[in-house]
Amino acid sequence: KGRFTTSRDSAKNTVYLQMNSLKPEDTAIYYCSTTDVRAIYWGQGTQ
C-alpha cells in the first residue's frame, strides 16, 4: 500500500502494476490473473 498501483486500459486489454520504492522483499515471480463466472485464469509470471 502506498507503493504499488494497479490499473487497466480496457482499449488495450492490458492490466498494469506500477511498483515504486521497491524493496528487496518485493523479489518474487509476479503473476497476473483474471476471473470470470467460470474460472480464474493465470499468466506465466514475470520475475
All heavy atoms as atom14 arrays in JSON, in Angstrom:
{
  "sequence": "KGRFTTSRDSAKNTVYLQMNSLKPEDTAIYYCSTTDVRAIYWGQGTQ",
  "atom14_mask": [
    [1, 1, 1, 1, 1, 1, 1, 1, 1, 0, 0, 0, 0, 0],
    [1, 1, 1, 1, 0, 0, 0, 0, 0, 0, 0, 0, 0, 0],
    [1, 1, 1, 1, 1, 1, 1, 1, 1, 1, 1, 0, 0, 0],
    [1, 1, 1, 1, 1, 1, 1, 1, 1, 1, 1, 0, 0, 0],
    [1, 1, 1, 1, 1, 1, 1, 0, 0, 0, 0, 0, 0, 0],
    [1, 1, 1, 1, 1, 1, 1, 0, 0, 0, 0, 0, 0, 0],
    [1, 1, 1, 1, 1, 1, 0, 0, 0, 0, 0, 0, 0, 0],
    [1, 1, 1, 1, 1, 1, 1, 1, 1, 1, 1, 0, 0, 0],
    [1, 1, 1, 1, 1, 1, 1, 1, 0, 0, 0, 0, 0, 0],
    [1, 1, 1, 1, 1, 1, 0, 0, 0, 0, 0, 0, 0, 0],
    [1, 1, 1, 1, 1, 0, 0, 0, 0, 0, 0, 0, 0, 0],
    [1, 1, 1, 1, 1, 1, 1, 1, 1, 0, 0, 0, 0, 0],
    [1, 1, 1, 1, 1, 1, 1, 1, 0, 0, 0, 0, 0, 0],
    [1, 1, 1, 1, 1, 1, 1, 0, 0, 0, 0, 0, 0, 0],
    [1, 1, 1, 1, 1, 1, 1, 0, 0, 0, 0, 0, 0, 0],
    [1, 1, 1, 1, 1, 1, 1, 1, 1, 1, 1, 1, 0, 0],
    [1, 1, 1, 1, 1, 1, 1, 1, 0, 0, 0, 0, 0, 0],
    [1, 1, 1, 1, 1, 1, 1, 1, 1, 0, 0, 0, 0, 0],
    [1, 1, 1, 1, 1, 1, 1, 1, 0, 0, 0, 0, 0, 0],
    [1, 1, 1, 1, 1, 1, 1, 1, 0, 0, 0, 0, 0, 0],
    [1, 1, 1, 1, 1, 1, 0, 0, 0, 0, 0, 0, 0, 0],
    [1, 1, 1, 1, 1, 1, 1, 1, 0, 0, 0, 0, 0, 0],
    [1, 1, 1, 1, 1, 1, 1, 1, 1, 0, 0, 0, 0, 0],
    [1, 1, 1, 1, 1, 1, 1, 0, 0, 0, 0, 0, 0, 0],
    [1, 1, 1, 1, 1, 1, 1, 1, 1, 0, 0, 0, 0, 0],
    [1, 1, 1, 1, 1, 1, 1, 1, 0, 0, 0, 0, 0, 0],
    [1, 1, 1, 1, 1, 1, 1, 0, 0, 0, 0, 0, 0, 0],
    [1, 1, 1, 1, 1, 0, 0, 0, 0, 0, 0, 0, 0, 0],
    [1, 1, 1, 1, 1, 1, 1, 1, 0, 0, 0, 0, 0, 0],
    [1, 1, 1, 1, 1, 1, 1, 1, 1, 1, 1, 1, 0, 0],
    [1, 1, 1, 1, 1, 1, 1, 1, 1, 1, 1, 1, 0, 0],
    [1, 1, 1, 1, 1, 1, 0, 0, 0, 0, 0, 0, 0, 0],
    [1, 1, 1, 1, 1, 1, 0, 0, 0, 0, 0, 0, 0, 0],
    [1, 1, 1, 1, 1, 1, 1, 0, 0, 0, 0, 0, 0, 0],
    [1, 1, 1, 1, 1, 1, 1, 0, 0, 0, 0, 0, 0, 0],
    [1, 1, 1, 1, 1, 1, 1, 1, 0, 0, 0, 0, 0, 0],
    [1, 1, 1, 1, 1, 1, 1, 0, 0, 0, 0, 0, 0, 0],
    [1, 1, 1, 1, 1, 1, 1, 1, 1, 1, 1, 0, 0, 0],
    [1, 1, 1, 1, 1, 0, 0, 0, 0, 0, 0, 0, 0, 0],
    [1, 1, 1, 1, 1, 1, 1, 1, 0, 0, 0, 0, 0, 0],
    [1, 1, 1, 1, 1, 1, 1, 1, 1, 1, 1, 1, 0, 0],
    [1, 1, 1, 1, 1, 1, 1, 1, 1, 1, 1, 1, 1, 1],
    [1, 1, 1, 1, 0, 0, 0, 0, 0, 0, 0, 0, 0, 0],
    [1, 1, 1, 1, 1, 1, 1, 1, 1, 0, 0, 0, 0, 0],
    [1, 1, 1, 1, 0, 0, 0, 0, 0, 0, 0, 0, 0, 0],
    [1, 1, 1, 1, 1, 1, 1, 0, 0, 0, 0, 0, 0, 0],
    [1, 1, 1, 1, 1, 1, 1, 1, 1, 0, 0, 0, 0, 0]
  ],
  "atom14_positions": [
    [[0.84, -1.21, 0.0], [0.0, 0.0, 0.0], [0.87, 1.25, 0.0], [1.84, 1.34, 0.74], [-0.92, 0.01, 1.22], [-2.12, -0.89, 1.1], [-2.99, -0.82, 2.34], [-4.18, -1.75, 2.22], [-5.01, -1.77, 3.46], [0.0, 0.0, 0.0], [0.0, 0.0, 0.0], [0.0, 0.0, 0.0], [0.0, 0.0, 0.0], [0.0, 0.0, 0.0]],
    [[0.49, 2.18, -0.85], [1.24, 3.43, -0.96], [2.43, 3.35, -1.88], [3.02, 4.38, -2.22], [0.0, 0.0, 0.0], [0.0, 0.0, 0.0], [0.0, 0.0, 0.0], [0.0, 0.0, 0.0], [0.0, 0.0, 0.0], [0.0, 0.0, 0.0], [0.0, 0.0, 0.0], [0.0, 0.0, 0.0], [0.0, 0.0, 0.0], [0.0, 0.0, 0.0]],
    [[2.81, 2.15, -2.31], [3.95, 1.98, -3.2], [3.55, 1.42, -4.57], [4.15, 1.77, -5.58], [4.98, 1.04, -2.57], [5.53, 1.5, -1.25], [6.68, 0.62, -0.77], [6.28, -0.76, -0.55], [6.85, -1.8, -1.16], [7.84, -1.62, -2.02], [6.44, -3.02, -0.89], [0.0, 0.0, 0.0], [0.0, 0.0, 0.0], [0.0, 0.0, 0.0]],
    [[2.55, 0.55, -4.59], [2.11, -0.09, -5.82], [0.74, 0.44, -6.22], [-0.1, 0.73, -5.38], [2.0, -1.61, -5.64], [3.3, -2.34, -5.47], [4.49, -1.68, -5.25], [3.32, -3.73, -5.54], [5.68, -2.36, -5.08], [4.5, -4.43, -5.38], [5.68, -3.74, -5.14], [0.0, 0.0, 0.0], [0.0, 0.0, 0.0], [0.0, 0.0, 0.0]],
    [[0.54, 0.52, -7.54], [-0.76, 0.94, -8.07], [-1.12, 0.06, -9.26], [-0.3, -0.13, -10.16], [-0.72, 2.4, -8.54], [-0.32, 3.25, -7.47], [-2.11, 2.85, -9.02], [0.0, 0.0, 0.0], [0.0, 0.0, 0.0], [0.0, 0.0, 0.0], [0.0, 0.0, 0.0], [0.0, 0.0, 0.0], [0.0, 0.0, 0.0], [0.0, 0.0, 0.0]],
    [[-2.33, -0.46, -9.25], [-2.79, -1.27, -10.38], [-3.82, -0.49, -11.17], [-4.56, 0.33, -10.63], [-3.35, -2.61, -9.9], [-3.62, -3.44, -11.03], [-4.62, -2.43, -9.08], [0.0, 0.0, 0.0], [0.0, 0.0, 0.0], [0.0, 0.0, 0.0], [0.0, 0.0, 0.0], [0.0, 0.0, 0.0], [0.0, 0.0, 0.0], [0.0, 0.0, 0.0]],
    [[-3.84, -0.74, -12.48], [-4.79, -0.05, -13.35], [-5.06, -0.91, -14.57], [-4.4, -1.94, -14.79], [-4.23, 1.31, -13.77], [-3.03, 1.17, -14.49], [0.0, 0.0, 0.0], [0.0, 0.0, 0.0], [0.0, 0.0, 0.0], [0.0, 0.0, 0.0], [0.0, 0.0, 0.0], [0.0, 0.0, 0.0], [0.0, 0.0, 0.0], [0.0, 0.0, 0.0]],
    [[-6.01, -0.48, -15.36], [-6.38, -1.25, -16.55], [-6.7, -0.3, -17.68], [-7.36, 0.72, -17.48], [-7.59, -2.13, -16.24], [-8.18, -2.87, -17.43], [-9.32, -3.77, -16.97], [-10.06, -4.31, -18.11], [-11.33, -4.04, -18.36], [-11.99, -3.22, -17.56], [-11.92, -4.58, -19.4], [0.0, 0.0, 0.0], [0.0, 0.0, 0.0], [0.0, 0.0, 0.0]],
    [[-6.21, -0.63, -18.85], [-6.57, 0.07, -20.08], [-7.43, -0.89, -20.88], [-6.9, -1.81, -21.53], [-5.31, 0.47, -20.85], [-5.61, 1.29, -22.08], [-6.71, 1.17, -22.64], [-4.72, 2.06, -22.5], [0.0, 0.0, 0.0], [0.0, 0.0, 0.0], [0.0, 0.0, 0.0], [0.0, 0.0, 0.0], [0.0, 0.0, 0.0], [0.0, 0.0, 0.0]],
    [[-8.74, -0.71, -20.82], [-9.64, -1.66, -21.47], [-9.49, -1.64, -22.98], [-9.67, -2.67, -23.64], [-11.09, -1.37, -21.07], [-11.44, -0.04, -21.41], [0.0, 0.0, 0.0], [0.0, 0.0, 0.0], [0.0, 0.0, 0.0], [0.0, 0.0, 0.0], [0.0, 0.0, 0.0], [0.0, 0.0, 0.0], [0.0, 0.0, 0.0], [0.0, 0.0, 0.0]],
    [[-9.13, -0.51, -23.55], [-8.96, -0.42, -25.01], [-7.8, -1.29, -25.49], [-7.79, -1.78, -26.61], [-8.75, 1.02, -25.43], [0.0, 0.0, 0.0], [0.0, 0.0, 0.0], [0.0, 0.0, 0.0], [0.0, 0.0, 0.0], [0.0, 0.0, 0.0], [0.0, 0.0, 0.0], [0.0, 0.0, 0.0], [0.0, 0.0, 0.0], [0.0, 0.0, 0.0]],
    [[-6.81, -1.45, -24.61], [-5.64, -2.26, -24.96], [-5.71, -3.65, -24.33], [-4.76, -4.43, -24.47], [-4.36, -1.55, -24.49], [-4.1, -0.23, -25.19], [-2.79, 0.38, -24.72], [-2.51, 1.69, -25.45], [-1.24, 2.31, -24.98], [0.0, 0.0, 0.0], [0.0, 0.0, 0.0], [0.0, 0.0, 0.0], [0.0, 0.0, 0.0], [0.0, 0.0, 0.0]],
    [[-6.78, -3.94, -23.61], [-6.9, -5.23, -22.91], [-5.67, -5.49, -22.05], [-5.17, -6.63, -21.99], [-7.09, -6.37, -23.9], [-8.42, -6.29, -24.62], [-9.43, -5.94, -24.04], [-8.4, -6.6, -25.9], [0.0, 0.0, 0.0], [0.0, 0.0, 0.0], [0.0, 0.0, 0.0], [0.0, 0.0, 0.0], [0.0, 0.0, 0.0], [0.0, 0.0, 0.0]],
    [[-5.19, -4.47, -21.4], [-3.95, -4.58, -20.64], [-4.16, -4.09, -19.2], [-4.8, -3.06, -18.98], [-2.83, -3.76, -21.3], [-2.64, -4.24, -22.64], [-1.52, -3.89, -20.54], [0.0, 0.0, 0.0], [0.0, 0.0, 0.0], [0.0, 0.0, 0.0], [0.0, 0.0, 0.0], [0.0, 0.0, 0.0], [0.0, 0.0, 0.0], [0.0, 0.0, 0.0]],
    [[-3.58, -4.85, -18.29], [-3.59, -4.51, -16.88], [-2.16, -4.17, -16.48], [-1.21, -4.8, -16.95], [-4.12, -5.68, -16.04], [-4.08, -5.36, -14.57], [-5.53, -6.03, -16.46], [0.0, 0.0, 0.0], [0.0, 0.0, 0.0], [0.0, 0.0, 0.0], [0.0, 0.0, 0.0], [0.0, 0.0, 0.0], [0.0, 0.0, 0.0], [0.0, 0.0, 0.0]],
    [[-2.01, -3.17, -15.61], [-0.69, -2.7, -15.22], [-0.51, -2.8, -13.71], [-1.46, -2.73, -12.94], [-0.49, -1.25, -15.63], [-0.64, -1.0, -17.1], [-1.83, -0.53, -17.63], [0.43, -1.26, -17.97], [-1.97, -0.31, -19.0], [0.29, -1.04, -19.33], [-0.91, -0.56, -19.83], [-1.03, -0.35, -21.19], [0.0, 0.0, 0.0], [0.0, 0.0, 0.0]],
    [[0.74, -2.95, -13.31], [1.11, -2.83, -11.91], [2.33, -1.92, -11.84], [3.42, -2.32, -12.24], [1.43, -4.19, -11.28], [1.76, -4.15, -9.79], [0.52, -3.75, -8.99], [2.29, -5.51, -9.31], [0.0, 0.0, 0.0], [0.0, 0.0, 0.0], [0.0, 0.0, 0.0], [0.0, 0.0, 0.0], [0.0, 0.0, 0.0], [0.0, 0.0, 0.0]],
    [[2.11, -0.7, -11.37], [3.2, 0.24, -11.19], [3.78, 0.03, -9.8], [3.05, 0.13, -8.81], [2.7, 1.68, -11.34], [3.76, 2.74, -11.1], [4.85, 2.72, -12.15], [4.58, 2.61, -13.35], [6.11, 2.83, -11.72], [0.0, 0.0, 0.0], [0.0, 0.0, 0.0], [0.0, 0.0, 0.0], [0.0, 0.0, 0.0], [0.0, 0.0, 0.0]],
    [[5.06, -0.26, -9.74], [5.71, -0.57, -8.47], [6.8, 0.47, -8.21], [7.76, 0.58, -8.98], [6.32, -1.96, -8.51], [5.32, -3.04, -8.89], [6.0, -4.72, -8.78], [7.22, -4.66, -10.09], [0.0, 0.0, 0.0], [0.0, 0.0, 0.0], [0.0, 0.0, 0.0], [0.0, 0.0, 0.0], [0.0, 0.0, 0.0], [0.0, 0.0, 0.0]],
    [[6.63, 1.23, -7.16], [7.59, 2.26, -6.77], [8.21, 1.92, -5.42], [7.69, 1.09, -4.68], [6.91, 3.62, -6.69], [6.31, 4.06, -8.01], [6.86, 3.78, -9.09], [5.19, 4.76, -7.95], [0.0, 0.0, 0.0], [0.0, 0.0, 0.0], [0.0, 0.0, 0.0], [0.0, 0.0, 0.0], [0.0, 0.0, 0.0], [0.0, 0.0, 0.0]],
    [[9.33, 2.58, -5.12], [10.01, 2.37, -3.84], [10.2, 0.88, -3.55], [9.91, 0.41, -2.45], [9.22, 3.03, -2.7], [9.05, 4.41, -2.95], [0.0, 0.0, 0.0], [0.0, 0.0, 0.0], [0.0, 0.0, 0.0], [0.0, 0.0, 0.0], [0.0, 0.0, 0.0], [0.0, 0.0, 0.0], [0.0, 0.0, 0.0], [0.0, 0.0, 0.0]],
    [[10.7, 0.18, -4.53], [10.85, -1.27, -4.39], [11.84, -1.64, -3.3], [12.85, -0.94, -3.08], [11.26, -1.88, -5.73], [10.11, -2.01, -6.74], [10.63, -2.16, -8.15], [9.22, -3.18, -6.37], [0.0, 0.0, 0.0], [0.0, 0.0, 0.0], [0.0, 0.0, 0.0], [0.0, 0.0, 0.0], [0.0, 0.0, 0.0], [0.0, 0.0, 0.0]],
    [[11.55, -2.76, -2.65], [12.38, -3.27, -1.56], [12.86, -4.68, -1.92], [12.2, -5.38, -2.7], [11.55, -3.34, -0.27], [10.92, -2.02, 0.14], [10.02, -2.22, 1.36], [9.36, -0.91, 1.78], [8.48, -1.1, 2.97], [0.0, 0.0, 0.0], [0.0, 0.0, 0.0], [0.0, 0.0, 0.0], [0.0, 0.0, 0.0], [0.0, 0.0, 0.0]],
    [[13.95, -5.12, -1.33], [14.42, -6.48, -1.61], [13.35, -7.54, -1.33], [13.28, -8.55, -2.04], [15.62, -6.63, -0.67], [16.16, -5.24, -0.54], [14.94, -4.37, -0.52], [0.0, 0.0, 0.0], [0.0, 0.0, 0.0], [0.0, 0.0, 0.0], [0.0, 0.0, 0.0], [0.0, 0.0, 0.0], [0.0, 0.0, 0.0], [0.0, 0.0, 0.0]],
    [[12.51, -7.3, -0.34], [11.46, -8.27, -0.03], [10.35, -8.32, -1.07], [9.45, -9.16, -0.99], [10.86, -8.0, 1.36], [10.41, -6.58, 1.6], [11.45, -5.76, 2.33], [12.66, -5.87, 1.97], [11.08, -5.0, 3.24], [0.0, 0.0, 0.0], [0.0, 0.0, 0.0], [0.0, 0.0, 0.0], [0.0, 0.0, 0.0], [0.0, 0.0, 0.0]],
    [[10.39, -7.43, -2.05], [9.44, -7.5, -3.17], [9.9, -8.49, -4.24], [9.17, -8.75, -5.2], [9.26, -6.12, -3.81], [8.6, -5.12, -2.89], [7.64, -5.49, -2.18], [9.04, -3.95, -2.87], [0.0, 0.0, 0.0], [0.0, 0.0, 0.0], [0.0, 0.0, 0.0], [0.0, 0.0, 0.0], [0.0, 0.0, 0.0], [0.0, 0.0, 0.0]],
    [[11.1, -9.03, -4.07], [11.61, -10.0, -5.03], [10.7, -11.22, -5.08], [10.4, -11.83, -4.06], [13.03, -10.43, -4.65], [13.91, -9.3, -4.77], [13.52, -11.57, -5.54], [0.0, 0.0, 0.0], [0.0, 0.0, 0.0], [0.0, 0.0, 0.0], [0.0, 0.0, 0.0], [0.0, 0.0, 0.0], [0.0, 0.0, 0.0], [0.0, 0.0, 0.0]],
    [[10.23, -11.55, -6.29], [9.28, -12.66, -6.46], [8.97, -12.82, -7.94], [9.35, -11.99, -8.77], [7.99, -12.37, -5.7], [0.0, 0.0, 0.0], [0.0, 0.0, 0.0], [0.0, 0.0, 0.0], [0.0, 0.0, 0.0], [0.0, 0.0, 0.0], [0.0, 0.0, 0.0], [0.0, 0.0, 0.0], [0.0, 0.0, 0.0], [0.0, 0.0, 0.0]],
    [[8.27, -13.89, -8.23], [7.64, -14.03, -9.54], [6.25, -13.43, -9.42], [5.49, -13.79, -8.51], [7.55, -15.49, -9.99], [8.95, -16.1, -10.07], [6.85, -15.59, -11.34], [8.94, -17.59, -10.37], [0.0, 0.0, 0.0], [0.0, 0.0, 0.0], [0.0, 0.0, 0.0], [0.0, 0.0, 0.0], [0.0, 0.0, 0.0], [0.0, 0.0, 0.0]],
    [[5.92, -12.52, -10.31], [4.64, -11.83, -10.29], [3.73, -12.42, -11.37], [4.14, -12.56, -12.53], [4.84, -10.34, -10.5], [5.36, -9.65, -9.27], [6.67, -9.84, -8.84], [4.56, -8.81, -8.52], [7.16, -9.23, -7.7], [5.03, -8.18, -7.37], [6.34, -8.41, -6.97], [6.81, -7.79, -5.84], [0.0, 0.0, 0.0], [0.0, 0.0, 0.0]],
    [[2.52, -12.71, -10.96], [1.53, -13.31, -11.85], [0.32, -12.39, -11.96], [-0.15, -11.85, -10.95], [1.04, -14.65, -11.32], [2.13, -15.68, -11.13], [2.82, -15.78, -9.94], [2.44, -16.58, -12.16], [3.81, -16.74, -9.76], [3.43, -17.54, -11.99], [4.11, -17.61, -10.78], [5.08, -18.55, -10.62], [0.0, 0.0, 0.0], [0.0, 0.0, 0.0]],
    [[-0.2, -12.23, -13.16], [-1.48, -11.56, -13.28], [-2.57, -12.61, -13.44], [-2.3, -13.75, -13.85], [-1.5, -10.56, -14.42], [-1.44, -11.25, -16.06], [0.0, 0.0, 0.0], [0.0, 0.0, 0.0], [0.0, 0.0, 0.0], [0.0, 0.0, 0.0], [0.0, 0.0, 0.0], [0.0, 0.0, 0.0], [0.0, 0.0, 0.0], [0.0, 0.0, 0.0]],
    [[-3.78, -12.2, -13.12], [-4.92, -13.12, -13.21], [-6.16, -12.36, -13.63], [-6.24, -11.14, -13.47], [-5.17, -13.8, -11.87], [-5.71, -12.87, -10.93], [0.0, 0.0, 0.0], [0.0, 0.0, 0.0], [0.0, 0.0, 0.0], [0.0, 0.0, 0.0], [0.0, 0.0, 0.0], [0.0, 0.0, 0.0], [0.0, 0.0, 0.0], [0.0, 0.0, 0.0]],
    [[-7.11, -13.1, -14.15], [-8.42, -12.55, -14.41], [-9.47, -13.6, -14.08], [-9.19, -14.8, -14.17], [-8.56, -12.06, -15.86], [-9.77, -11.3, -15.99], [-8.6, -13.22, -16.85], [0.0, 0.0, 0.0], [0.0, 0.0, 0.0], [0.0, 0.0, 0.0], [0.0, 0.0, 0.0], [0.0, 0.0, 0.0], [0.0, 0.0, 0.0], [0.0, 0.0, 0.0]],
    [[-10.62, -13.14, -13.65], [-11.68, -14.03, -13.2], [-12.96, -13.71, -13.95], [-13.33, -12.55, -14.09], [-11.92, -13.85, -11.69], [-10.69, -14.03, -10.98], [-12.94, -14.85, -11.19], [0.0, 0.0, 0.0], [0.0, 0.0, 0.0], [0.0, 0.0, 0.0], [0.0, 0.0, 0.0], [0.0, 0.0, 0.0], [0.0, 0.0, 0.0], [0.0, 0.0, 0.0]],
    [[-13.6, -14.78, -14.44], [-14.95, -14.61, -14.97], [-15.88, -15.55, -14.21], [-15.5, -16.09, -13.17], [-15.0, -14.8, -16.49], [-14.59, -16.21, -16.92], [-14.66, -17.15, -16.11], [-14.23, -16.36, -18.1], [0.0, 0.0, 0.0], [0.0, 0.0, 0.0], [0.0, 0.0, 0.0], [0.0, 0.0, 0.0], [0.0, 0.0, 0.0], [0.0, 0.0, 0.0]],
    [[-17.07, -15.76, -14.7], [-18.04, -16.57, -13.95], [-17.64, -18.05, -13.9], [-18.18, -18.8, -13.11], [-19.46, -16.43, -14.53], [-19.96, -15.0, -14.34], [-19.48, -16.84, -16.0], [0.0, 0.0, 0.0], [0.0, 0.0, 0.0], [0.0, 0.0, 0.0], [0.0, 0.0, 0.0], [0.0, 0.0, 0.0], [0.0, 0.0, 0.0], [0.0, 0.0, 0.0]],
    [[-16.71, -18.43, -14.76], [-16.37, -19.84, -14.82], [-15.1, -20.2, -14.03], [-15.03, -21.27, -13.42], [-16.16, -20.27, -16.29], [-17.41, -20.18, -17.13], [-17.08, -20.42, -18.59], [-16.22, -19.37, -19.13], [-15.76, -19.36, -20.36], [-16.04, -20.35, -21.19], [-15.01, -18.37, -20.78], [0.0, 0.0, 0.0], [0.0, 0.0, 0.0], [0.0, 0.0, 0.0]],
    [[-14.1, -19.33, -14.09], [-12.82, -19.73, -13.53], [-11.93, -18.51, -13.31], [-12.26, -17.4, -13.72], [-12.12, -20.72, -14.47], [0.0, 0.0, 0.0], [0.0, 0.0, 0.0], [0.0, 0.0, 0.0], [0.0, 0.0, 0.0], [0.0, 0.0, 0.0], [0.0, 0.0, 0.0], [0.0, 0.0, 0.0], [0.0, 0.0, 0.0], [0.0, 0.0, 0.0]],
    [[-10.79, -18.77, -12.68], [-9.72, -17.78, -12.59], [-8.6, -18.26, -13.51], [-8.28, -19.45, -13.55], [-9.24, -17.61, -11.14], [-8.16, -16.53, -11.07], [-8.75, -18.91, -10.54], [-7.83, -16.11, -9.64], [0.0, 0.0, 0.0], [0.0, 0.0, 0.0], [0.0, 0.0, 0.0], [0.0, 0.0, 0.0], [0.0, 0.0, 0.0], [0.0, 0.0, 0.0]],
    [[-8.02, -17.32, -14.24], [-7.0, -17.65, -15.23], [-5.7, -16.93, -14.85], [-5.73, -15.83, -14.3], [-7.45, -17.2, -16.62], [-8.8, -17.75, -17.01], [-9.96, -17.03, -16.74], [-8.92, -18.99, -17.62], [-11.21, -17.52, -17.08], [-10.16, -19.49, -17.97], [-11.3, -18.75, -17.69], [-12.53, -19.25, -18.02], [0.0, 0.0, 0.0], [0.0, 0.0, 0.0]],
    [[-4.58, -17.57, -15.19], [-3.28, -17.06, -14.77], [-2.33, -16.9, -15.95], [-2.38, -17.68, -16.92], [-2.64, -18.04, -13.78], [-3.43, -18.22, -12.53], [-4.38, -19.17, -12.28], [-3.34, -17.42, -11.35], [-4.88, -19.0, -11.01], [-4.26, -17.94, -10.42], [-2.58, -16.31, -10.99], [-4.44, -17.38, -9.15], [-2.76, -15.76, -9.73], [-3.68, -16.3, -8.83]],
    [[-1.45, -15.91, -15.83], [-0.35, -15.78, -16.76], [0.8, -16.67, -16.32], [0.74, -17.35, -15.3], [0.0, 0.0, 0.0], [0.0, 0.0, 0.0], [0.0, 0.0, 0.0], [0.0, 0.0, 0.0], [0.0, 0.0, 0.0], [0.0, 0.0, 0.0], [0.0, 0.0, 0.0], [0.0, 0.0, 0.0], [0.0, 0.0, 0.0], [0.0, 0.0, 0.0]],
    [[1.89, -16.61, -17.1], [3.03, -17.49, -16.82], [3.97, -16.91, -15.78], [4.83, -17.62, -15.26], [3.79, -17.76, -18.13], [4.79, -16.67, -18.54], [4.13, -15.4, -19.04], [2.92, -15.35, -19.27], [4.95, -14.35, -19.22], [0.0, 0.0, 0.0], [0.0, 0.0, 0.0], [0.0, 0.0, 0.0], [0.0, 0.0, 0.0], [0.0, 0.0, 0.0]],
    [[3.82, -15.62, -15.49], [4.64, -14.99, -14.47], [5.83, -14.25, -15.06], [6.32, -14.57, -16.14], [0.0, 0.0, 0.0], [0.0, 0.0, 0.0], [0.0, 0.0, 0.0], [0.0, 0.0, 0.0], [0.0, 0.0, 0.0], [0.0, 0.0, 0.0], [0.0, 0.0, 0.0], [0.0, 0.0, 0.0], [0.0, 0.0, 0.0], [0.0, 0.0, 0.0]],
    [[6.27, -13.23, -14.33], [7.46, -12.48, -14.71], [8.29, -12.22, -13.45], [7.74, -11.88, -12.4], [7.09, -11.16, -15.42], [8.28, -10.5, -15.88], [6.32, -10.2, -14.51], [0.0, 0.0, 0.0], [0.0, 0.0, 0.0], [0.0, 0.0, 0.0], [0.0, 0.0, 0.0], [0.0, 0.0, 0.0], [0.0, 0.0, 0.0], [0.0, 0.0, 0.0]],
    [[9.58, -12.42, -13.56], [10.47, -12.32, -12.41], [10.81, -10.86, -12.11], [11.21, -10.11, -13.0], [11.75, -13.1, -12.66], [12.79, -13.01, -11.55], [12.37, -13.75, -10.3], [11.92, -14.89, -10.36], [12.52, -13.11, -9.14], [0.0, 0.0, 0.0], [0.0, 0.0, 0.0], [0.0, 0.0, 0.0], [0.0, 0.0, 0.0], [0.0, 0.0, 0.0]]
  ]
}
